[in-house]
Amino acid sequence: MKYLWTIEKGFLKDIVDQFPDPAPAYTTISTLISRMVKKGYIGFEKYGRDKEYYPKITKTEYFKNHFKEIVSGFFNNSSSQFASFFTKNSDLSLEELRELESILQEKIKDKKQQ
C-alpha cells in the first residue's frame, strides 16, 4: 500500500519498481495486490490484459482499520489497555510522552464540549 499511495496509480511493474533492492518476487507482490483487491483496499482498471491499480482507501482509513483489529484481537476491544501496553513497552522519550499527554488533554477537552 505504501508504494501505491506514493505513485497514486500504476501497473504491477510500476509498483514493483518502487521497492528497494532486493525487491520481493514479482509473483509475491502480485499475490499481495490480489488479496488487497479482494479486501477492497485496491481497485483497478483493465487495459487489455494489464491492470492499472489504484488505492481505494486512504492511509488513515487503512491504519484505522488495522488498529481496530489489533485492539479487538489483542486488547479485548479496550483502547486504554492498548495505550497502557504501548506506553509501558515502548522506549518513548520525554518529548514523545509530553506530546502524547497533549494529545490526550486535547481529546479530553473535545469530549467535555460534546
Protein backbone atom coordinates (compact mmCIF):
# COMPACT_ATOMS: atom_id res chain seq x y z
CA MET A 1 0.00 0.00 0.00
CA LYS A 2 2.84 2.36 0.88
CA TYR A 3 4.23 2.32 -2.64
CA LEU A 4 0.83 2.53 -4.30
CA TRP A 5 -0.04 5.59 -2.20
CA THR A 6 3.28 7.11 -3.32
CA ILE A 7 2.65 6.67 -7.05
CA GLU A 8 -1.17 7.02 -6.72
CA LYS A 9 -1.81 4.56 -9.55
CA GLY A 10 0.25 2.17 -11.58
CA PHE A 11 0.68 -1.17 -13.24
CA LEU A 12 2.25 -4.08 -11.37
CA LYS A 13 5.68 -3.28 -12.84
CA ASP A 14 5.40 0.32 -11.61
CA ILE A 15 4.65 -0.91 -8.09
CA VAL A 16 7.47 -3.47 -8.15
CA ASP A 17 9.86 -0.73 -9.30
CA GLN A 18 9.10 1.23 -6.11
CA PHE A 19 10.61 -1.45 -3.86
CA PRO A 20 14.25 -1.07 -2.80
CA ASP A 21 16.69 -3.78 -3.81
CA PRO A 22 16.40 -6.63 -3.26
CA ALA A 23 12.73 -6.31 -4.18
CA PRO A 24 10.33 -9.14 -3.32
CA ALA A 25 9.49 -11.52 -6.15
CA TYR A 26 7.10 -10.20 -8.79
CA THR A 27 4.69 -13.06 -8.01
CA THR A 28 4.75 -12.24 -4.29
CA ILE A 29 3.74 -8.64 -4.93
CA SER A 30 1.10 -9.78 -7.42
CA THR A 31 -0.39 -12.11 -4.79
CA LEU A 32 -0.43 -9.38 -2.14
CA ILE A 33 -2.12 -6.95 -4.53
CA SER A 34 -4.75 -9.57 -5.41
CA ARG A 35 -5.51 -10.03 -1.72
CA MET A 36 -5.77 -6.27 -1.21
CA VAL A 37 -8.17 -6.07 -4.17
CA LYS A 38 -10.37 -8.76 -2.59
CA LYS A 39 -10.37 -6.84 0.71
CA GLY A 40 -11.43 -3.67 -1.09
CA TYR A 41 -8.24 -1.71 -0.38
CA ILE A 42 -7.11 -1.57 -4.01
CA GLY A 43 -9.08 -1.09 -7.20
CA PHE A 44 -8.02 -1.43 -10.81
CA GLU A 45 -8.87 -0.54 -14.37
CA LYS A 46 -8.23 -3.14 -17.02
CA TYR A 47 -6.39 -2.27 -20.24
CA GLY A 48 -6.38 -5.44 -22.31
CA ARG A 49 -4.55 -7.98 -20.18
CA ASP A 50 -2.93 -5.36 -17.95
CA LYS A 51 -4.42 -3.84 -14.83
CA GLU A 52 -3.68 -0.36 -13.56
CA TYR A 53 -4.04 -0.38 -9.79
CA TYR A 54 -5.05 2.48 -7.51
CA PRO A 55 -5.72 2.77 -3.77
CA LYS A 56 -9.40 2.74 -2.79
CA ILE A 57 -8.66 3.63 0.81
CA THR A 58 -6.60 6.39 2.38
CA LYS A 59 -3.59 5.73 4.57
CA THR A 60 -5.56 6.98 7.59
CA GLU A 61 -8.51 4.66 6.87
CA TYR A 62 -6.16 1.73 6.32
CA PHE A 63 -4.35 2.20 9.63
CA LYS A 64 -7.61 2.90 11.46
CA ASN A 65 -8.94 -0.48 10.26
CA HIS A 66 -5.76 -2.29 11.31
CA PHE A 67 -5.69 -0.53 14.65
CA LYS A 68 -9.26 -1.66 15.34
CA GLU A 69 -8.26 -5.26 14.50
CA ILE A 70 -5.27 -5.09 16.87
CA VAL A 71 -7.28 -3.56 19.72
CA SER A 72 -10.08 -6.07 19.18
CA GLY A 73 -7.85 -9.13 18.82
CA PHE A 74 -5.19 -8.48 21.43
CA PHE A 75 -6.64 -5.99 23.91
CA ASN A 76 -10.26 -7.14 24.42
CA ASN A 77 -11.57 -4.14 22.48
CA SER A 78 -10.02 -1.79 25.06
CA SER A 79 -8.12 1.20 23.71
CA SER A 80 -6.94 2.00 27.24
CA GLN A 81 -5.36 -1.48 27.55
CA PHE A 82 -3.60 -0.84 24.24
CA ALA A 83 -2.40 2.60 25.37
CA SER A 84 -1.14 1.15 28.65
CA PHE A 85 0.73 -1.63 26.87
CA PHE A 86 2.16 0.77 24.29
CA THR A 87 3.45 3.30 26.81
CA LYS A 88 4.88 0.68 29.16
CA ASN A 89 6.60 -1.33 26.42
CA SER A 90 7.88 1.46 24.19
CA ASP A 91 11.06 3.40 24.76
CA LEU A 92 9.40 6.81 24.50
CA SER A 93 11.38 9.97 25.06
CA LEU A 94 10.18 12.65 27.45
CA GLU A 95 9.26 14.77 24.43
CA GLU A 96 7.15 11.95 22.96
CA LEU A 97 5.41 11.39 26.29
CA ARG A 98 4.60 15.09 26.54
CA GLU A 99 3.24 15.01 23.01
CA LEU A 100 1.00 12.06 23.92
CA GLU A 101 -0.11 13.90 27.04
CA SER A 102 -1.02 16.94 24.94
CA ILE A 103 -2.99 14.78 22.50
CA LEU A 104 -4.89 13.18 25.39
CA GLN A 105 -5.63 16.55 27.00
CA GLU A 106 -6.98 17.87 23.70
CA LYS A 107 -9.17 14.78 23.28
CA ILE A 108 -10.49 15.15 26.85
CA LYS A 109 -11.29 18.80 26.17
CA ASP A 110 -13.17 17.86 22.97
CA LYS A 111 -15.16 15.16 24.79
CA LYS A 112 -16.16 17.58 27.56
CA GLN A 113 -17.51 20.02 24.96
CA GLN A 114 -19.76 17.40 23.36
